[in-house]
Amino acid sequence: MTMVRILAVLAIAAMAAGNASAEDCSRPKTPAERLICSNDRVSDAREHMTVAFFLAYRRLDTDERRAEMRNQQRAFEAKVRDGCIDVPCILEAYAERTLELEQN
């Protein structure tokens, strides 16, 4: 297992523990979740963003800042990601969010 995959697994576990969403591909609820579950490029982009989230989250020094970051991630998912209905849109959304997370 590559380091990126290990970090992604840890990030997904951390997000799940923090009530951030992790898609259930057996029952996708939104068009964005269907894209994540059915398209390897989108799934890879989500994995990259998840790793960036985890690394940025670990850099935060207070519980308040971590809670704020989880809320920002939920807002991104609800307002940006879930607004996408095609692959180019969701790839762009993930690329922008990943860059934002990496710069924090």
PDB file of N, CA and C in Angstrom:
ATOM      1  N   MET A   1       0.857  -1.172   0.000  1.00  0.00           N
ATOM      2  CA  MET A   1       0.000   0.000   0.000  1.00  0.00           C
ATOM      3  C   MET A   1       0.903   1.236   0.000  1.00  0.00           C
ATOM      4  N   THR A   2       0.656   2.172  -0.890  1.00  0.00           N
ATOM      5  CA  THR A   2       1.491   3.354  -0.968  1.00  0.00           C
ATOM      6  C   THR A   2       1.207   4.286   0.206  1.00  0.00           C
ATOM      7  N   MET A   3       2.127   5.185   0.456  1.00  0.00           N
ATOM      8  CA  MET A   3       1.959   6.142   1.548  1.00  0.00           C
ATOM      9  C   MET A   3       0.714   7.004   1.341  1.00  0.00           C
ATOM     10  N   VAL A   4       0.445   7.395   0.099  1.00  0.00           N
ATOM     11  CA  VAL A   4      -0.734   8.212  -0.191  1.00  0.00           C
ATOM     12  C   VAL A   4      -1.996   7.446   0.178  1.00  0.00           C
ATOM     13  N   ARG A   5      -2.063   6.187  -0.175  1.00  0.00           N
ATOM     14  CA  ARG A   5      -3.239   5.371   0.153  1.00  0.00           C
ATOM     15  C   ARG A   5      -3.376   5.192   1.663  1.00  0.00           C
ATOM     16  N   ILE A   6      -2.272   5.009   2.340  1.00  0.00           N
ATOM     17  CA  ILE A   6      -2.321   4.874   3.798  1.00  0.00           C
ATOM     18  C   ILE A   6      -2.848   6.167   4.416  1.00  0.00           C
ATOM     19  N   LEU A   7      -2.320   7.308   3.953  1.00  0.00           N
ATOM     20  CA  LEU A   7      -2.799   8.588   4.463  1.00  0.00           C
ATOM     21  C   LEU A   7      -4.270   8.797   4.135  1.00  0.00           C
ATOM     22  N   ALA A   8      -4.687   8.378   2.948  1.00  0.00           N
ATOM     23  CA  ALA A   8      -6.093   8.515   2.571  1.00  0.00           C
ATOM     24  C   ALA A   8      -6.985   7.695   3.488  1.00  0.00           C
ATOM     25  N   VAL A   9      -6.573   6.483   3.779  1.00  0.00           N
ATOM     26  CA  VAL A   9      -7.355   5.634   4.689  1.00  0.00           C
ATOM     27  C   VAL A   9      -7.438   6.292   6.067  1.00  0.00           C
ATOM     28  N   LEU A  10      -6.312   6.790   6.554  1.00  0.00           N
ATOM     29  CA  LEU A  10      -6.313   7.474   7.843  1.00  0.00           C
ATOM     30  C   LEU A  10      -7.180   8.723   7.809  1.00  0.00           C
ATOM     31  N   ALA A  11      -7.114   9.458   6.709  1.00  0.00           N
ATOM     32  CA  ALA A  11      -7.912  10.673   6.581  1.00  0.00           C
ATOM     33  C   ALA A  11      -9.391  10.357   6.565  1.00  0.00           C
ATOM     34  N   ILE A  12      -9.776   9.347   5.833  1.00  0.00           N
ATOM     35  CA  ILE A  12     -11.189   8.970   5.773  1.00  0.00           C
ATOM     36  C   ILE A  12     -11.658   8.532   7.159  1.00  0.00           C
ATOM     37  N   ALA A  13     -10.831   7.791   7.854  1.00  0.00           N
ATOM     38  CA  ALA A  13     -11.187   7.378   9.213  1.00  0.00           C
ATOM     39  C   ALA A  13     -11.330   8.595  10.124  1.00  0.00           C
ATOM     40  N   ALA A  14     -10.415   9.551   9.999  1.00  0.00           N
ATOM     41  CA  ALA A  14     -10.488  10.758  10.823  1.00  0.00           C
ATOM     42  C   ALA A  14     -11.720  11.579  10.476  1.00  0.00           C
ATOM     43  N   MET A  15     -12.025  11.671   9.184  1.00  0.00           N
ATOM     44  CA  MET A  15     -13.201  12.418   8.765  1.00  0.00           C
ATOM     45  C   MET A  15     -14.465  11.741   9.272  1.00  0.00           C
ATOM     46  N   ALA A  16     -14.526  10.438   9.184  1.00  0.00           N
ATOM     47  CA  ALA A  16     -15.696   9.705   9.663  1.00  0.00           C
ATOM     48  C   ALA A  16     -15.856   9.909  11.164  1.00  0.00           C
ATOM     49  N   ALA A  17     -14.755   9.880  11.882  1.00  0.00           N
ATOM     50  CA  ALA A  17     -14.812  10.091  13.326  1.00  0.00           C
ATOM     51  C   ALA A  17     -15.262  11.505  13.649  1.00  0.00           C
ATOM     52  N   GLY A  18     -14.935  12.451  12.764  1.00  0.00           N
ATOM     53  CA  GLY A  18     -15.320  13.845  12.964  1.00  0.00           C
ATOM     54  C   GLY A  18     -16.622  14.199  12.276  1.00  0.00           C
ATOM     55  N   ASN A  19     -17.370  13.227  11.833  1.00  0.00           N
ATOM     56  CA  ASN A  19     -18.656  13.396  11.161  1.00  0.00           C
ATOM     57  C   ASN A  19     -18.555  14.059   9.804  1.00  0.00           C
ATOM     58  N   ALA A  20     -17.398  14.122   9.205  1.00  0.00           N
ATOM     59  CA  ALA A  20     -17.296  14.582   7.828  1.00  0.00           C
ATOM     60  C   ALA A  20     -17.720  13.418   6.937  1.00  0.00           C
ATOM     61  N   SER A  21     -18.152  13.716   5.749  1.00  0.00           N
ATOM     62  CA  SER A  21     -18.734  12.643   4.953  1.00  0.00           C
ATOM     63  C   SER A  21     -17.688  11.757   4.305  1.00  0.00           C
ATOM     64  N   ALA A  22     -18.011  10.515   4.228  1.00  0.00           N
ATOM     65  CA  ALA A  22     -17.273   9.538   3.440  1.00  0.00           C
ATOM     66  C   ALA A  22     -18.352   8.808   2.642  1.00  0.00           C
ATOM     67  N   GLU A  23     -18.217   8.815   1.331  1.00  0.00           N
ATOM     68  CA  GLU A  23     -19.267   8.287   0.483  1.00  0.00           C
ATOM     69  C   GLU A  23     -19.470   6.788   0.674  1.00  0.00           C
ATOM     70  N   ASP A  24     -20.733   6.393   0.703  1.00  0.00           N
ATOM     71  CA  ASP A  24     -21.112   4.987   0.734  1.00  0.00           C
ATOM     72  C   ASP A  24     -21.493   4.631  -0.699  1.00  0.00           C
ATOM     73  N   CYS A  25     -20.580   3.971  -1.390  1.00  0.00           N
ATOM     74  CA  CYS A  25     -20.804   3.689  -2.810  1.00  0.00           C
ATOM     75  C   CYS A  25     -21.869   2.624  -3.044  1.00  0.00           C
ATOM     76  N   SER A  26     -22.313   1.972  -2.005  1.00  0.00           N
ATOM     77  CA  SER A  26     -23.420   1.036  -2.189  1.00  0.00           C
ATOM     78  C   SER A  26     -24.749   1.786  -2.279  1.00  0.00           C
ATOM     79  N   ARG A  27     -24.754   3.034  -1.782  1.00  0.00           N
ATOM     80  CA  ARG A  27     -25.966   3.852  -1.825  1.00  0.00           C
ATOM     81  C   ARG A  27     -25.631   5.332  -2.021  1.00  0.00           C
ATOM     82  N   PRO A  28     -25.102   5.710  -3.162  1.00  0.00           N
ATOM     83  CA  PRO A  28     -24.804   7.134  -3.362  1.00  0.00           C
ATOM     84  C   PRO A  28     -26.091   7.958  -3.340  1.00  0.00           C
ATOM     85  N   LYS A  29     -26.048   9.100  -2.653  1.00  0.00           N
ATOM     86  CA  LYS A  29     -27.247   9.917  -2.453  1.00  0.00           C
ATOM     87  C   LYS A  29     -27.352  11.102  -3.407  1.00  0.00           C
ATOM     88  N   THR A  30     -26.229  11.516  -3.963  1.00  0.00           N
ATOM     89  CA  THR A  30     -26.233  12.701  -4.819  1.00  0.00           C
ATOM     90  C   THR A  30     -25.551  12.374  -6.143  1.00  0.00           C
ATOM     91  N   PRO A  31     -25.791  13.201  -7.157  1.00  0.00           N
ATOM     92  CA  PRO A  31     -25.063  12.996  -8.414  1.00  0.00           C
ATOM     93  C   PRO A  31     -23.544  13.040  -8.209  1.00  0.00           C
ATOM     94  N   ALA A  32     -23.073  13.905  -7.312  1.00  0.00           N
ATOM     95  CA  ALA A  32     -21.626  13.981  -7.047  1.00  0.00           C
ATOM     96  C   ALA A  32     -21.120  12.672  -6.451  1.00  0.00           C
ATOM     97  N   GLU A  33     -21.866  12.096  -5.530  1.00  0.00           N
ATOM     98  CA  GLU A  33     -21.444  10.820  -4.950  1.00  0.00           C
ATOM     99  C   GLU A  33     -21.439   9.711  -6.002  1.00  0.00           C
ATOM    100  N   ARG A  34     -22.390   9.746  -6.917  1.00  0.00           N
ATOM    101  CA  ARG A  34     -22.396   8.755  -8.002  1.00  0.00           C
ATOM    102  C   ARG A  34     -21.159   8.924  -8.881  1.00  0.00           C
ATOM    103  N   LEU A  35     -20.762  10.161  -9.145  1.00  0.00           N
ATOM    104  CA  LEU A  35     -19.547  10.409  -9.933  1.00  0.00           C
ATOM    105  C   LEU A  35     -18.315   9.900  -9.201  1.00  0.00           C
ATOM    106  N   ILE A  36     -18.236  10.157  -7.907  1.00  0.00           N
ATOM    107  CA  ILE A  36     -17.084   9.712  -7.115  1.00  0.00           C
ATOM    108  C   ILE A  36     -16.967   8.194  -7.176  1.00  0.00           C
ATOM    109  N   CYS A  37     -18.098   7.531  -7.065  1.00  0.00           N
ATOM    110  CA  CYS A  37     -18.107   6.070  -6.994  1.00  0.00           C
ATOM    111  C   CYS A  37     -17.943   5.402  -8.351  1.00  0.00           C
ATOM    112  N   SER A  38     -18.213   6.118  -9.425  1.00  0.00           N
ATOM    113  CA  SER A  38     -18.208   5.481 -10.745  1.00  0.00           C
ATOM    114  C   SER A  38     -17.071   5.931 -11.659  1.00  0.00           C
ATOM    115  N   ASN A  39     -16.289   6.911 -11.240  1.00  0.00           N
ATOM    116  CA  ASN A  39     -15.255   7.456 -12.109  1.00  0.00           C
ATOM    117  C   ASN A  39     -13.908   7.440 -11.383  1.00  0.00           C
ATOM    118  N   ASP A  40     -12.947   6.722 -11.928  1.00  0.00           N
ATOM    119  CA  ASP A  40     -11.635   6.599 -11.273  1.00  0.00           C
ATOM    120  C   ASP A  40     -10.921   7.934 -11.127  1.00  0.00           C
ATOM    121  N   ARG A  41     -11.035   8.811 -12.117  1.00  0.00           N
ATOM    122  CA  ARG A  41     -10.364  10.119 -12.032  1.00  0.00           C
ATOM    123  C   ARG A  41     -10.959  10.946 -10.896  1.00  0.00           C
ATOM    124  N   VAL A  42     -12.267  10.909 -10.776  1.00  0.00           N
ATOM    125  CA  VAL A  42     -12.928  11.654  -9.699  1.00  0.00           C
ATOM    126  C   VAL A  42     -12.575  11.042  -8.348  1.00  0.00           C
ATOM    127  N   SER A  43     -12.586   9.727  -8.284  1.00  0.00           N
ATOM    128  CA  SER A  43     -12.230   9.047  -7.039  1.00  0.00           C
ATOM    129  C   SER A  43     -10.795   9.380  -6.636  1.00  0.00           C
ATOM    130  N   ASP A  44      -9.886   9.396  -7.587  1.00  0.00           N
ATOM    131  CA  ASP A  44      -8.485   9.754  -7.307  1.00  0.00           C
ATOM    132  C   ASP A  44      -8.372  11.206  -6.840  1.00  0.00           C
ATOM    133  N   ALA A  45      -9.124  12.102  -7.471  1.00  0.00           N
ATOM    134  CA  ALA A  45      -9.096  13.514  -7.081  1.00  0.00           C
ATOM    135  C   ALA A  45      -9.633  13.675  -5.660  1.00  0.00           C
ATOM    136  N   ARG A  46     -10.672  12.932  -5.331  1.00  0.00           N
ATOM    137  CA  ARG A  46     -11.218  12.982  -3.974  1.00  0.00           C
ATOM    138  C   ARG A  46     -10.190  12.444  -2.975  1.00  0.00           C
ATOM    139  N   GLU A  47      -9.516  11.374  -3.335  1.00  0.00           N
ATOM    140  CA  GLU A  47      -8.493  10.801  -2.455  1.00  0.00           C
ATOM    141  C   GLU A  47      -7.371  11.810  -2.216  1.00  0.00           C
ATOM    142  N   HIS A  48      -6.938  12.498  -3.267  1.00  0.00           N
ATOM    143  CA  HIS A  48      -5.882  13.512  -3.143  1.00  0.00           C
ATOM    144  C   HIS A  48      -6.357  14.640  -2.219  1.00  0.00           C
ATOM    145  N   MET A  49      -7.609  15.081  -2.396  1.00  0.00           N
ATOM    146  CA  MET A  49      -8.155  16.136  -1.557  1.00  0.00           C
ATOM    147  C   MET A  49      -8.277  15.672  -0.110  1.00  0.00           C
ATOM    148  N   THR A  50      -8.646  14.415   0.088  1.00  0.00           N
ATOM    149  CA  THR A  50      -8.775  13.868   1.436  1.00  0.00           C
ATOM    150  C   THR A  50      -7.431  13.862   2.153  1.00  0.00           C
ATOM    151  N   VAL A  51      -6.384  13.492   1.448  1.00  0.00           N
ATOM    152  CA  VAL A  51      -5.038  13.527   2.035  1.00  0.00           C
ATOM    153  C   VAL A  51      -4.656  14.964   2.385  1.00  0.00           C
ATOM    154  N   ALA A  52      -4.942  15.905   1.487  1.00  0.00           N
ATOM    155  CA  ALA A  52      -4.637  17.315   1.758  1.00  0.00           C
ATOM    156  C   ALA A  52      -5.417  17.800   2.978  1.00  0.00           C
ATOM    157  N   PHE A  53      -6.683  17.384   3.081  1.00  0.00           N
ATOM    158  CA  PHE A  53      -7.493  17.741   4.249  1.00  0.00           C
ATOM    159  C   PHE A  53      -6.841  17.203   5.522  1.00  0.00           C
ATOM    160  N   PHE A  54      -6.486  15.938   5.510  1.00  0.00           N
ATOM    161  CA  PHE A  54      -5.911  15.304   6.689  1.00  0.00           C
ATOM    162  C   PHE A  54      -4.616  16.010   7.115  1.00  0.00           C
ATOM    163  N   LEU A  55      -3.752  16.294   6.166  1.00  0.00           N
ATOM    164  CA  LEU A  55      -2.480  16.939   6.497  1.00  0.00           C
ATOM    165  C   LEU A  55      -2.701  18.353   7.036  1.00  0.00           C
ATOM    166  N   ALA A  56      -3.621  19.100   6.424  1.00  0.00           N
ATOM    167  CA  ALA A  56      -3.934  20.452   6.905  1.00  0.00           C
ATOM    168  C   ALA A  56      -4.577  20.387   8.292  1.00  0.00           C
ATOM    169  N   TYR A  57      -5.457  19.438   8.480  1.00  0.00           N
ATOM    170  CA  TYR A  57      -6.145  19.259   9.757  1.00  0.00           C
ATOM    171  C   TYR A  57      -5.136  18.970  10.878  1.00  0.00           C
ATOM    172  N   ARG A  58      -4.164  18.125  10.583  1.00  0.00           N
ATOM    173  CA  ARG A  58      -3.162  17.762  11.582  1.00  0.00           C
ATOM    174  C   ARG A  58      -2.268  18.953  11.953  1.00  0.00           C
ATOM    175  N   ARG A  59      -2.152  19.933  11.065  1.00  0.00           N
ATOM    176  CA  ARG A  59      -1.322  21.106  11.357  1.00  0.00           C
ATOM    177  C   ARG A  59      -2.009  22.081  12.315  1.00  0.00           C
ATOM    178  N   LEU A  60      -3.326  21.969  12.464  1.00  0.00           N
ATOM    179  CA  LEU A  60      -4.054  22.910  13.310  1.00  0.00           C
ATOM    180  C   LEU A  60      -3.766  22.635  14.778  1.00  0.00           C
ATOM    181  N   ASP A  61      -3.726  23.720  15.556  1.00  0.00           N
ATOM    182  CA  ASP A  61      -3.279  23.580  16.936  1.00  0.00           C
ATOM    183  C   ASP A  61      -4.381  23.629  17.987  1.00  0.00           C
ATOM    184  N   THR A  62      -5.622  23.894  17.597  1.00  0.00           N
ATOM    185  CA  THR A  62      -6.691  23.942  18.600  1.00  0.00           C
ATOM    186  C   THR A  62      -7.913  23.166  18.105  1.00  0.00           C
ATOM    187  N   ASP A  63      -8.698  22.717  19.059  1.00  0.00           N
ATOM    188  CA  ASP A  63      -9.937  22.017  18.717  1.00  0.00           C
ATOM    189  C   ASP A  63     -10.905  22.936  17.982  1.00  0.00           C
ATOM    190  N   GLU A  64     -10.901  24.216  18.331  1.00  0.00           N
ATOM    191  CA  GLU A  64     -11.783  25.173  17.672  1.00  0.00           C
ATOM    192  C   GLU A  64     -11.440  25.311  16.188  1.00  0.00           C
ATOM    193  N   ARG A  65     -10.157  25.388  15.895  1.00  0.00           N
ATOM    194  CA  ARG A  65      -9.730  25.514  14.496  1.00  0.00           C
ATOM    195  C   ARG A  65     -10.045  24.230  13.723  1.00  0.00           C
ATOM    196  N   ARG A  66      -9.896  23.084  14.372  1.00  0.00           N
ATOM    197  CA  ARG A  66     -10.238  21.811  13.724  1.00  0.00           C
ATOM    198  C   ARG A  66     -11.735  21.734  13.454  1.00  0.00           C
ATOM    199  N   ALA A  67     -12.537  22.165  14.406  1.00  0.00           N
ATOM    200  CA  ALA A  67     -13.993  22.165  14.206  1.00  0.00           C
ATOM    201  C   ALA A  67     -14.368  23.092  13.057  1.00  0.00           C
ATOM    202  N   GLU A  68     -13.722  24.245  12.990  1.00  0.00           N
ATOM    203  CA  GLU A  68     -13.976  25.188  11.891  1.00  0.00           C
ATOM    204  C   GLU A  68     -13.615  24.555  10.541  1.00  0.00           C
ATOM    205  N   MET A  69     -12.499  23.838  10.511  1.00  0.00           N
ATOM    206  CA  MET A  69     -12.080  23.198   9.262  1.00  0.00           C
ATOM    207  C   MET A  69     -13.070  22.109   8.846  1.00  0.00           C
ATOM    208  N   ARG A  70     -13.552  21.323   9.803  1.00  0.00           N
ATOM    209  CA  ARG A  70     -14.557  20.303   9.480  1.00  0.00           C
ATOM    210  C   ARG A  70     -15.818  20.956   8.927  1.00  0.00           C
ATOM    211  N   ASN A  71     -16.213  22.082   9.529  1.00  0.00           N
ATOM    212  CA  ASN A  71     -17.398  22.803   9.036  1.00  0.00           C
ATOM    213  C   ASN A  71     -17.165  23.347   7.629  1.00  0.00           C
ATOM    214  N   GLN A  72     -15.967  23.856   7.372  1.00  0.00           N
ATOM    215  CA  GLN A  72     -15.648  24.345   6.025  1.00  0.00           C
ATOM    216  C   GLN A  72     -15.697  23.204   5.012  1.00  0.00           C
ATOM    217  N   GLN A  73     -15.225  22.026   5.412  1.00  0.00           N
ATOM    218  CA  GLN A  73     -15.245  20.880   4.505  1.00  0.00           C
ATOM    219  C   GLN A  73     -16.679  20.459   4.204  1.00  0.00           C
ATOM    220  N   ARG A  74     -17.521  20.437   5.222  1.00  0.00           N
ATOM    221  CA  ARG A  74     -18.941  20.104   5.011  1.00  0.00           C
ATOM    222  C   ARG A  74     -19.596  21.124   4.087  1.00  0.00           C
ATOM    223  N   ALA A  75     -19.256  22.404   4.273  1.00  0.00           N
ATOM    224  CA  ALA A  75     -19.806  23.453   3.414  1.00  0.00           C
ATOM    225  C   ALA A  75     -19.343  23.266   1.974  1.00  0.00           C
ATOM    226  N   PHE A  76     -18.058  22.937   1.790  1.00  0.00           N
ATOM    227  CA  PHE A  76     -17.548  22.660   0.440  1.00  0.00           C
ATOM    228  C   PHE A  76     -18.346  21.524  -0.196  1.00  0.00           C
ATOM    229  N   GLU A  77     -18.544  20.446   0.546  1.00  0.00           N
ATOM    230  CA  GLU A  77     -19.270  19.294   0.006  1.00  0.00           C
ATOM    231  C   GLU A  77     -20.695  19.668  -0.360  1.00  0.00           C
ATOM    232  N   ALA A  78     -21.374  20.405   0.498  1.00  0.00           N
ATOM    233  CA  ALA A  78     -22.778  20.745   0.269  1.00  0.00           C
ATOM    234  C   ALA A  78     -22.970  21.797  -0.820  1.00  0.00           C
ATOM    235  N   LYS A  79     -22.121  22.811  -0.820  1.00  0.00           N
ATOM    236  CA  LYS A  79     -22.346  23.949  -1.713  1.00  0.00           C
ATOM    237  C   LYS A  79     -21.597  23.862  -3.025  1.00  0.00           C
ATOM    238  N   VAL A  80     -20.417  23.269  -3.018  1.00  0.00           N
ATOM    239  CA  VAL A  80     -19.595  23.238  -4.233  1.00  0.00           C
ATOM    240  C   VAL A  80     -19.653  21.862  -4.878  1.00  0.00           C
ATOM    241  N   ARG A  81     -19.151  20.863  -4.173  1.00  0.00           N
ATOM    242  CA  ARG A  81     -19.086  19.507  -4.737  1.00  0.00           C
ATOM    243  C   ARG A  81     -20.454  18.998  -5.155  1.00  0.00           C
ATOM    244  N   ASP A  82     -21.438  19.111  -4.264  1.00  0.00           N
ATOM    245  CA  ASP A  82     -22.758  18.563  -4.581  1.00  0.00           C
ATOM    246  C   ASP A  82     -23.501  19.364  -5.648  1.00  0.00           C
ATOM    247  N   GLY A  83     -22.964  20.520  -6.006  1.00  0.00           N
ATOM    248  CA  GLY A  83     -23.529  21.296  -7.104  1.00  0.00           C
ATOM    249  C   GLY A  83     -23.062  20.804  -8.464  1.00  0.00           C
ATOM    250  N   CYS A  84     -22.101  19.910  -8.471  1.00  0.00           N
ATOM    251  CA  CYS A  84     -21.544  19.389  -9.721  1.00  0.00           C
ATOM    252  C   CYS A  84     -22.378  18.212 -10.231  1.00  0.00           C
ATOM    253  N   ILE A  85     -22.584  18.214 -11.547  1.00  0.00           N
ATOM    254  CA  ILE A  85     -23.329  17.108 -12.151  1.00  0.00           C
ATOM    255  C   ILE A  85     -22.528  16.420 -13.246  1.00  0.00           C
ATOM    256  N   ASP A  86     -21.267  16.857 -13.437  1.00  0.00           N
ATOM    257  CA  ASP A  86     -20.444  16.202 -14.452  1.00  0.00           C
ATOM    258  C   ASP A  86     -18.992  16.131 -13.987  1.00  0.00           C
ATOM    259  N   VAL A  87     -18.228  15.314 -14.659  1.00  0.00           N
ATOM    260  CA  VAL A  87     -16.846  15.051 -14.269  1.00  0.00           C
ATOM    261  C   VAL A  87     -15.984  16.313 -14.288  1.00  0.00           C
ATOM    262  N   PRO A  88     -16.002  17.134 -15.352  1.00  0.00           N
ATOM    263  CA  PRO A  88     -15.139  18.325 -15.338  1.00  0.00           C
ATOM    264  C   PRO A  88     -15.413  19.248 -14.148  1.00  0.00           C
ATOM    265  N   CYS A  89     -16.666  19.422 -13.806  1.00  0.00           N
ATOM    266  CA  CYS A  89     -17.025  20.290 -12.685  1.00  0.00           C
ATOM    267  C   CYS A  89     -16.465  19.761 -11.378  1.00  0.00           C
ATOM    268  N   ILE A  90     -16.665  18.496 -11.112  1.00  0.00           N
ATOM    269  CA  ILE A  90     -16.213  17.950  -9.832  1.00  0.00           C
ATOM    270  C   ILE A  90     -14.693  17.859  -9.770  1.00  0.00           C
ATOM    271  N   LEU A  91     -14.036  17.583 -10.905  1.00  0.00           N
ATOM    272  CA  LEU A  91     -12.574  17.581 -10.916  1.00  0.00           C
ATOM    273  C   LEU A  91     -12.029  18.963 -10.594  1.00  0.00           C
ATOM    274  N   GLU A  92     -12.631  19.989 -11.165  1.00  0.00           N
ATOM    275  CA  GLU A  92     -12.203  21.362 -10.889  1.00  0.00           C
ATOM    276  C   GLU A  92     -12.457  21.720  -9.419  1.00  0.00           C
ATOM    277  N   ALA A  93     -13.614  21.326  -8.902  1.00  0.00           N
ATOM    278  CA  ALA A  93     -13.932  21.615  -7.501  1.00  0.00           C
ATOM    279  C   ALA A  93     -12.914  20.962  -6.573  1.00  0.00           C
ATOM    280  N   TYR A  94     -12.594  19.699  -6.832  1.00  0.00           N
ATOM    281  CA  TYR A  94     -11.608  19.010  -5.997  1.00  0.00           C
ATOM    282  C   TYR A  94     -10.227  19.630  -6.139  1.00  0.00           C
ATOM    283  N   ALA A  95      -9.842  20.007  -7.355  1.00  0.00           N
ATOM    284  CA  ALA A  95      -8.519  20.622  -7.560  1.00  0.00           C
ATOM    285  C   ALA A  95      -8.411  21.931  -6.786  1.00  0.00           C
ATOM    286  N   GLU A  96      -9.444  22.750  -6.839  1.00  0.00           N
ATOM    287  CA  GLU A  96      -9.428  24.029  -6.131  1.00  0.00           C
ATOM    288  C   GLU A  96      -9.407  23.830  -4.620  1.00  0.00           C
ATOM    289  N   ARG A  97     -10.223  22.898  -4.127  1.00  0.00           N
ATOM    290  CA  ARG A  97     -10.254  22.644  -2.677  1.00  0.00           C
ATOM    291  C   ARG A  97      -8.917  22.061  -2.213  1.00  0.00           C
ATOM    292  N   THR A  98      -8.337  21.171  -3.003  1.00  0.00           N
ATOM    293  CA  THR A  98      -7.046  20.590  -2.648  1.00  0.00           C
ATOM    294  C   THR A  98      -5.983  21.674  -2.543  1.00  0.00           C
ATOM    295  N   LEU A  99      -5.934  22.560  -3.515  1.00  0.00           N
ATOM    296  CA  LEU A  99      -4.968  23.662  -3.489  1.00  0.00           C
ATOM    297  C   LEU A  99      -5.181  24.534  -2.253  1.00  0.00           C
ATOM    298  N   GLU A 100      -6.426  24.838  -1.965  1.00  0.00           N
ATOM    299  CA  GLU A 100      -6.743  25.649  -0.777  1.00  0.00           C
ATOM    300  C   GLU A 100      -6.247  24.967   0.507  1.00  0.00           C
ATOM    301  N   LEU A 101      -6.487  23.675   0.606  1.00  0.00           N
ATOM    302  CA  LEU A 101      -6.041  22.927   1.787  1.00  0.00           C
ATOM    303  C   LEU A 101      -4.523  22.860   1.879  1.00  0.00           C
ATOM    304  N   GLU A 102      -3.858  22.688   0.741  1.00  0.00           N
ATOM    305  CA  GLU A 102      -2.398  22.599   0.738  1.00  0.00           C
ATOM    306  C   GLU A 102      -1.744  23.929   1.087  1.00  0.00           C
ATOM    307  N   GLN A 103      -2.426  25.040   0.812  1.00  0.00           N
ATOM    308  CA  GLN A 103      -1.861  26.349   1.100  1.00  0.00           C
ATOM    309  C   GLN A 103      -2.097  26.790   2.535  1.00  0.00           C
ATOM    310  N   ASN A 104      -2.926  26.068   3.248  1.00  0.00           N
ATOM    311  CA  ASN A 104      -3.193  26.407   4.666  1.00  0.00           C
ATOM    312  C   ASN A 104      -2.218  25.746   5.584  1.00  0.00           C
TER     313      ASN A 104
END
